[in-house]
Amino acid sequence: MRKVKYKSIRKQIALILLFSVLAGVFLSNDASAVITTDTHFFESTSRTQNQTVNFVNGLQVKEVTVNTGNVTYSVSGNQINLILTNGTITYTGTPQQQVSITQTSSVNSFPTSIPYSAGGYSGTLYKTGSSYVYSGSAGDSKTATGTLNFTSWIKYQWNGSNWVMIDSYSPNNPTIPYGPDAQGYSGTLYKTGYAANGESGTPPSNPYVGQTYIQYRYWIGYYSGTVTNPDTRVYGQNYAGTAYGPQSTYYQYTVTVKTGPENELLYWEADAEITNQVGRWNGSPSVYIESQLGGGQGTNAVATGMSLWNSALGLSMTVASSPASADIEFYVAEYDELIRIHS
């Protein structure tokens, strides 16, 4: 049986207490360094989605999980590029949208409802409010006047003693058109009277039997009437209602990202008197690991690649470097941390 001096036992107990305290410090430090961020993406009809999230510069992505389906990711700078697949259906529904339109007509008459179909949406729209003048103006009227110059004539023949009328012409213009004028008025004017405006043609001074001549008479005709401006009104009627699109399936993903410090060395300084006792990882005072610093490796010596288990912390640690004259490094896989212990 191995004999253990009292001083050696005291050193072991001191080391155990020291490691217990230091282990608690380590856990507290790591827990506070890990940042957990949940990102809820909008619902989409796409089951496979490409999304991005950002994280704080200087930190390292520790874990990326998704609430449904699968997630693969790549990191570029402080941006995580996500590919989300195979999510479960959030819900199946029929999209809808509120639609408002205006119909126009030259006649002030509109149906109570109209069918609607556009962009994959369809439904029935209903009248909202009364019809109104969309553009244009109502027609009106006014009295307008006008004149027309015309000519009549009489043909005479000498019979040896008198001039006898043998033919005549007098135009009949009871109406004349009006406009449209500058204001758009137009219509028909009716003759209200006329007046002589001169004549021409005189009989020859020495006529012979059968000789003829024509006498022309010039007139001004006066016209009056009611003319109108056309009705250019276009009427409008507003319609509104709900239009429905095709039934769709929606997916929504929530991604959880854990970030923390990049691999770093945490320095745990041990008591200067303790030169051989570098670790006690299974929580039992009777079992510990010895390192023969500067003096080779014994049965219980720490060696590179050796796995150590700390039941108190629930951590598996692997020796990252062979014992040197001053320190040993432990790599903690669960926390992605490298711990250096100075002895």
Protein backbone atom coordinates (compact mmCIF):
# COMPACT_ATOMS: atom_id res chain seq x y z
CA MET A 1 0.00 0.00 0.00
CA ARG A 2 1.26 3.45 -0.90
CA LYS A 3 2.11 5.68 2.01
CA VAL A 4 0.92 9.23 1.81
CA LYS A 5 2.43 11.88 3.96
CA TYR A 6 0.15 14.31 5.79
CA LYS A 7 1.61 17.21 3.85
CA SER A 8 0.83 15.45 0.58
CA ILE A 9 -2.79 14.88 1.64
CA ARG A 10 -3.07 18.53 2.60
CA LYS A 11 -1.79 19.52 -0.83
CA GLN A 12 -4.29 17.20 -2.51
CA ILE A 13 -7.20 18.64 -0.54
CA ALA A 14 -6.00 22.16 -1.28
CA LEU A 15 -5.79 21.30 -4.97
CA ILE A 16 -9.27 19.76 -4.91
CA LEU A 17 -10.70 22.91 -3.33
CA LEU A 18 -8.80 25.09 -5.77
CA PHE A 19 -10.05 23.16 -8.81
CA SER A 20 -13.60 23.16 -7.46
CA VAL A 21 -13.54 26.94 -7.18
CA LEU A 22 -11.85 27.40 -10.53
CA ALA A 23 -14.27 25.02 -12.26
CA GLY A 24 -17.15 27.12 -10.99
CA VAL A 25 -15.52 30.25 -12.36
CA PHE A 26 -15.08 28.57 -15.74
CA LEU A 27 -18.74 27.56 -16.02
CA SER A 28 -19.94 31.00 -15.05
CA ASN A 29 -17.63 32.62 -17.57
CA ASP A 30 -18.72 30.35 -20.45
CA ALA A 31 -22.48 30.61 -19.77
CA SER A 32 -22.36 34.39 -19.83
CA ALA A 33 -20.38 34.39 -23.08
CA VAL A 34 -22.89 32.35 -25.11
CA ILE A 35 -25.52 34.47 -26.87
CA THR A 36 -28.76 32.82 -28.01
CA THR A 37 -30.79 34.60 -30.71
CA ASP A 38 -34.14 33.50 -32.15
CA THR A 39 -35.13 34.80 -35.59
CA HIS A 40 -38.73 34.36 -36.76
CA PHE A 41 -39.04 34.55 -40.55
CA PHE A 42 -42.24 35.62 -42.29
CA GLU A 43 -44.69 33.04 -43.54
CA SER A 44 -44.05 31.94 -47.10
CA THR A 45 -45.54 29.55 -49.62
CA SER A 46 -42.01 28.24 -50.29
CA ARG A 47 -41.06 25.17 -48.29
CA THR A 48 -37.39 25.64 -49.18
CA GLN A 49 -36.15 29.08 -48.20
CA ASN A 50 -32.85 30.94 -48.37
CA GLN A 51 -32.47 33.36 -45.47
CA THR A 52 -29.70 35.30 -43.77
CA VAL A 53 -29.05 36.43 -40.20
CA ASN A 54 -26.25 38.53 -38.78
CA PHE A 55 -24.31 38.13 -35.55
CA VAL A 56 -21.88 40.27 -33.58
CA ASN A 57 -18.43 40.66 -35.09
CA GLY A 58 -15.71 38.85 -33.16
CA LEU A 59 -17.94 36.03 -32.00
CA GLN A 60 -18.06 32.47 -33.31
CA VAL A 61 -21.15 30.51 -34.38
CA LYS A 62 -21.53 27.66 -31.89
CA GLU A 63 -24.84 26.15 -32.97
CA VAL A 64 -27.66 26.75 -35.47
CA THR A 65 -31.00 24.96 -35.08
CA VAL A 66 -34.45 25.33 -36.61
CA ASN A 67 -37.86 24.72 -35.05
CA THR A 68 -39.07 22.54 -37.95
CA GLY A 69 -37.42 20.70 -40.83
CA ASN A 70 -33.71 20.99 -41.51
CA VAL A 71 -31.17 23.79 -41.66
CA THR A 72 -27.79 23.95 -43.34
CA TYR A 73 -25.66 27.05 -43.13
CA SER A 74 -22.43 28.73 -44.07
CA VAL A 75 -20.74 31.70 -42.42
CA SER A 76 -19.38 34.68 -44.32
CA GLY A 77 -17.99 37.43 -42.13
CA ASN A 78 -20.68 38.19 -39.57
CA GLN A 79 -23.48 36.82 -41.77
CA ILE A 80 -24.98 33.33 -41.62
CA ASN A 81 -26.44 32.07 -44.91
CA LEU A 82 -29.26 29.63 -44.18
CA ILE A 83 -30.98 27.00 -46.30
CA LEU A 84 -34.21 25.90 -44.63
CA THR A 85 -35.94 22.75 -45.92
CA ASN A 86 -38.60 20.14 -45.12
CA GLY A 87 -40.55 22.33 -42.70
CA THR A 88 -44.04 21.32 -41.62
CA ILE A 89 -47.06 23.24 -42.88
CA THR A 90 -47.93 26.23 -40.71
CA TYR A 91 -51.41 26.50 -42.18
CA THR A 92 -53.32 26.17 -45.43
CA GLY A 93 -55.46 29.12 -46.38
CA THR A 94 -56.99 31.19 -49.14
CA PRO A 95 -55.36 34.59 -49.62
CA GLN A 96 -57.66 37.54 -50.05
CA GLN A 97 -57.38 41.20 -50.87
CA GLN A 98 -59.66 44.23 -50.73
CA VAL A 99 -60.38 45.64 -54.18
CA SER A 100 -61.77 49.06 -55.17
CA ILE A 101 -62.41 50.05 -58.78
CA THR A 102 -64.36 52.69 -60.73
CA GLN A 103 -66.54 51.93 -63.73
CA THR A 104 -67.48 54.64 -66.26
CA SER A 105 -70.33 55.01 -68.74
CA SER A 106 -71.92 57.67 -70.94
CA VAL A 107 -75.26 56.54 -69.52
CA ASN A 108 -76.01 57.17 -65.87
CA SER A 109 -77.05 53.61 -65.10
CA PHE A 110 -74.96 50.99 -63.25
CA PRO A 111 -75.66 47.47 -61.91
CA THR A 112 -75.71 46.77 -58.17
CA SER A 113 -72.75 44.37 -58.40
CA ILE A 114 -70.11 43.38 -60.94
CA PRO A 115 -67.78 40.36 -61.26
CA TYR A 116 -64.06 40.87 -60.67
CA SER A 117 -61.12 38.83 -61.94
CA ALA A 118 -57.49 40.00 -62.09
CA GLY A 119 -54.07 38.70 -61.12
CA GLY A 120 -55.38 35.31 -60.06
CA TYR A 121 -57.94 36.86 -57.69
CA SER A 122 -61.69 36.81 -58.29
CA GLY A 123 -64.86 37.79 -56.51
CA THR A 124 -67.90 40.08 -56.60
CA LEU A 125 -67.72 43.84 -56.10
CA TYR A 126 -70.66 45.95 -54.91
CA LYS A 127 -71.70 49.57 -55.36
CA THR A 128 -70.34 52.05 -52.86
CA GLY A 129 -72.17 55.38 -52.83
CA SER A 130 -74.01 57.02 -55.72
CA SER A 131 -72.89 57.62 -59.27
CA TYR A 132 -71.28 60.93 -60.14
CA VAL A 133 -70.01 62.94 -63.11
CA TYR A 134 -66.59 61.47 -63.80
CA SER A 135 -65.70 63.95 -66.58
CA GLY A 136 -67.29 66.35 -69.09
CA SER A 137 -70.22 68.73 -68.65
CA ALA A 138 -73.96 68.84 -69.24
CA GLY A 139 -75.30 70.28 -72.53
CA ASP A 140 -77.11 73.66 -72.62
CA SER A 141 -78.66 75.95 -75.26
CA LYS A 142 -78.75 79.54 -76.46
CA THR A 143 -80.37 81.66 -79.17
CA ALA A 144 -78.25 82.33 -82.21
CA THR A 145 -78.79 84.43 -85.35
CA GLY A 146 -77.37 84.37 -88.84
CA THR A 147 -77.68 85.81 -92.35
CA LEU A 148 -77.54 84.45 -95.87
CA ASN A 149 -76.97 86.40 -99.10
CA PHE A 150 -78.92 85.15 -102.12
CA THR A 151 -79.79 86.27 -105.63
CA SER A 152 -83.01 86.07 -107.66
CA TRP A 153 -83.49 86.91 -111.33
CA ILE A 154 -86.20 87.56 -113.93
CA LYS A 155 -85.77 87.01 -117.65
CA TYR A 156 -87.66 89.38 -120.00
CA GLN A 157 -88.36 89.32 -123.79
CA TRP A 158 -89.41 92.22 -126.13
CA ASN A 159 -92.60 91.51 -128.05
CA GLY A 160 -92.55 94.67 -130.10
CA SER A 161 -94.30 96.85 -127.60
CA ASN A 162 -93.47 95.58 -124.05
CA TRP A 163 -91.00 93.57 -122.08
CA VAL A 164 -92.67 90.36 -121.07
CA MET A 165 -91.36 88.06 -118.24
CA ILE A 166 -90.67 84.68 -119.70
CA ASP A 167 -88.69 83.03 -116.82
CA SER A 168 -87.54 83.65 -113.22
CA TYR A 169 -85.60 82.13 -110.34
CA SER A 170 -85.84 82.81 -106.59
CA PRO A 171 -83.95 80.46 -104.21
CA ASN A 172 -85.85 78.99 -101.29
CA ASN A 173 -83.64 78.82 -98.17
CA PRO A 174 -85.99 78.44 -95.19
CA THR A 175 -83.18 77.14 -92.92
CA ILE A 176 -79.44 77.33 -92.58
CA PRO A 177 -77.05 75.28 -90.37
CA TYR A 178 -75.24 76.85 -87.44
CA GLY A 179 -71.88 75.97 -85.90
CA PRO A 180 -70.29 74.44 -84.14
CA ASP A 181 -68.92 77.73 -82.86
CA ALA A 182 -65.96 78.29 -80.56
CA GLN A 183 -68.01 77.16 -77.57
CA GLY A 184 -69.23 74.02 -79.29
CA TYR A 185 -72.80 75.19 -79.96
CA SER A 186 -74.54 74.00 -83.10
CA GLY A 187 -78.03 73.66 -84.53
CA THR A 188 -80.43 74.96 -87.21
CA LEU A 189 -81.53 78.55 -87.80
CA TYR A 190 -84.85 79.45 -89.46
CA LYS A 191 -85.59 82.35 -91.82
CA THR A 192 -87.31 85.23 -90.09
CA GLY A 193 -87.20 87.73 -92.94
CA TYR A 194 -85.22 89.22 -95.81
CA ALA A 195 -84.35 92.57 -97.35
CA ALA A 196 -83.35 93.81 -100.80
CA ASN A 197 -79.69 94.49 -101.20
CA GLY A 198 -79.53 95.91 -104.74
CA GLU A 199 -80.18 94.86 -108.34
CA SER A 200 -78.52 94.86 -111.73
CA GLY A 201 -79.49 94.46 -115.36
CA THR A 202 -81.39 97.05 -117.52
CA PRO A 203 -83.34 96.58 -120.77
CA PRO A 204 -81.66 97.51 -124.06
CA SER A 205 -82.56 100.98 -125.39
CA ASN A 206 -83.46 99.86 -128.96
CA PRO A 207 -84.75 96.34 -128.60
CA TYR A 208 -85.87 94.17 -131.45
CA VAL A 209 -88.66 91.69 -131.32
CA GLY A 210 -87.64 88.57 -129.45
CA GLN A 211 -84.67 90.20 -127.74
CA THR A 212 -84.17 89.18 -124.03
CA TYR A 213 -82.37 90.43 -120.96
CA ILE A 214 -82.09 89.32 -117.30
CA GLN A 215 -82.60 91.47 -114.29
CA TYR A 216 -80.78 90.33 -111.05
CA ARG A 217 -81.96 91.21 -107.58
CA TYR A 218 -79.78 90.75 -104.47
CA TRP A 219 -81.18 89.93 -101.04
CA ILE A 220 -80.11 89.37 -97.42
CA GLY A 221 -81.94 86.64 -95.54
CA TYR A 222 -82.23 86.84 -91.73
CA TYR A 223 -82.27 83.69 -89.60
CA SER A 224 -82.68 82.84 -85.93
CA GLY A 225 -82.97 79.73 -83.76
CA THR A 226 -81.97 77.78 -80.66
CA VAL A 227 -78.64 76.01 -80.74
CA THR A 228 -77.21 73.57 -78.18
CA ASN A 229 -73.93 72.55 -76.66
CA PRO A 230 -73.68 68.70 -76.62
CA ASP A 231 -73.74 66.73 -73.36
CA THR A 232 -70.21 65.37 -72.85
CA ARG A 233 -70.78 63.92 -69.41
CA VAL A 234 -69.17 60.58 -68.50
CA TYR A 235 -70.58 59.05 -65.33
CA GLY A 236 -68.61 57.11 -62.74
CA GLN A 237 -69.59 54.51 -60.13
CA ASN A 238 -67.30 53.12 -57.41
CA TYR A 239 -67.31 49.43 -56.51
CA ALA A 240 -65.56 47.59 -53.67
CA GLY A 241 -65.37 44.09 -52.28
CA THR A 242 -63.17 41.12 -51.39
CA ALA A 243 -61.36 39.09 -54.03
CA TYR A 244 -59.99 35.62 -53.26
CA GLY A 245 -56.88 33.95 -54.63
CA PRO A 246 -56.07 30.25 -55.03
CA GLN A 247 -55.66 28.15 -51.89
CA SER A 248 -52.05 28.15 -50.68
CA THR A 249 -49.90 26.26 -48.17
CA TYR A 250 -47.70 28.36 -45.88
CA TYR A 251 -44.47 27.58 -44.03
CA GLN A 252 -42.73 29.50 -41.27
CA TYR A 253 -39.30 28.86 -39.80
CA THR A 254 -37.74 30.02 -36.54
CA VAL A 255 -33.96 29.73 -36.40
CA THR A 256 -31.99 29.71 -33.13
CA VAL A 257 -28.35 30.79 -33.32
CA LYS A 258 -25.88 30.42 -30.48
CA THR A 259 -22.70 32.48 -30.67
CA GLY A 260 -19.81 32.93 -28.28
CA PRO A 261 -16.15 33.83 -28.07
CA GLU A 262 -13.78 32.14 -30.46
CA ASN A 263 -11.34 29.51 -29.07
CA GLU A 264 -9.34 31.22 -26.38
CA LEU A 265 -6.98 30.29 -23.55
CA LEU A 266 -8.26 30.63 -20.01
CA TYR A 267 -5.40 30.77 -17.54
CA TRP A 268 -6.01 29.08 -14.18
CA GLU A 269 -3.15 29.83 -11.81
CA ALA A 270 -2.53 27.11 -9.21
CA ASP A 271 -0.90 27.41 -5.81
CA ALA A 272 2.86 27.84 -6.22
CA GLU A 273 3.52 25.03 -3.69
CA ILE A 274 1.62 22.46 -5.77
CA THR A 275 4.02 21.07 -8.34
CA ASN A 276 2.76 17.52 -8.96
CA GLN A 277 -1.03 17.58 -8.53
CA VAL A 278 -2.50 19.08 -11.72
CA GLY A 279 -6.01 17.69 -11.88
CA ARG A 280 -8.82 15.95 -10.06
CA TRP A 281 -11.64 15.46 -12.54
CA ASN A 282 -13.95 12.73 -11.25
CA GLY A 283 -15.13 14.39 -8.08
CA SER A 284 -13.53 11.87 -5.71
CA PRO A 285 -10.73 12.94 -3.38
CA SER A 286 -9.18 9.47 -3.60
CA VAL A 287 -8.65 9.54 -7.37
CA TYR A 288 -6.54 12.14 -9.04
CA ILE A 289 -4.10 12.57 -11.89
CA GLU A 290 -0.43 13.16 -11.19
CA SER A 291 2.07 14.76 -13.51
CA GLN A 292 5.73 14.21 -12.90
CA LEU A 293 6.70 17.63 -14.15
CA GLY A 294 10.23 17.57 -15.40
CA GLY A 295 10.59 13.94 -14.34
CA GLY A 296 8.88 11.69 -16.91
CA GLN A 297 5.45 10.08 -16.86
CA GLY A 298 4.26 7.47 -14.41
CA THR A 299 1.24 5.22 -14.44
CA ASN A 300 -1.11 8.04 -13.57
CA ALA A 301 0.73 10.71 -15.47
CA VAL A 302 -1.10 13.02 -17.84
CA ALA A 303 -0.35 12.31 -21.51
CA THR A 304 -1.37 13.91 -24.79
CA GLY A 305 -4.74 12.62 -26.00
CA MET A 306 -5.80 11.32 -22.56
CA SER A 307 -9.50 11.85 -21.88
CA LEU A 308 -10.46 13.15 -18.45
CA TRP A 309 -13.99 13.24 -17.08
CA ASN A 310 -15.29 15.78 -14.62
CA SER A 311 -18.51 14.41 -13.13
CA ALA A 312 -19.09 17.60 -11.19
CA LEU A 313 -19.02 19.72 -14.34
CA GLY A 314 -20.30 17.05 -16.70
CA LEU A 315 -17.46 17.81 -19.11
CA SER A 316 -15.16 15.58 -21.08
CA MET A 317 -11.67 17.00 -21.42
CA THR A 318 -8.81 15.87 -23.59
CA VAL A 319 -5.19 16.68 -22.91
CA ALA A 320 -4.10 18.91 -25.77
CA SER A 321 -0.38 18.97 -25.02
CA SER A 322 2.15 16.73 -23.31
CA PRO A 323 3.17 17.76 -19.82
CA ALA A 324 5.83 20.41 -19.95
CA SER A 325 7.88 21.83 -17.18
CA ALA A 326 5.26 24.42 -16.35
CA ASP A 327 1.76 23.77 -17.73
CA ILE A 328 -0.74 21.42 -19.37
CA GLU A 329 -3.54 22.34 -21.83
CA PHE A 330 -6.99 20.75 -21.73
CA TYR A 331 -9.40 20.98 -24.68
CA VAL A 332 -13.09 21.05 -23.67
CA ALA A 333 -15.03 19.79 -26.70
CA GLU A 334 -18.49 20.67 -25.41
CA TYR A 335 -17.54 24.33 -25.06
CA ASP A 336 -15.02 24.48 -27.86
CA GLU A 337 -12.53 25.99 -25.44
CA LEU A 338 -8.84 25.39 -24.79
CA ILE A 339 -7.91 25.57 -21.10
CA ARG A 340 -4.32 25.94 -19.96
CA ILE A 341 -3.45 25.02 -16.40
CA HIS A 342 -0.24 26.32 -14.90
CA SER A 343 1.17 24.12 -12.14
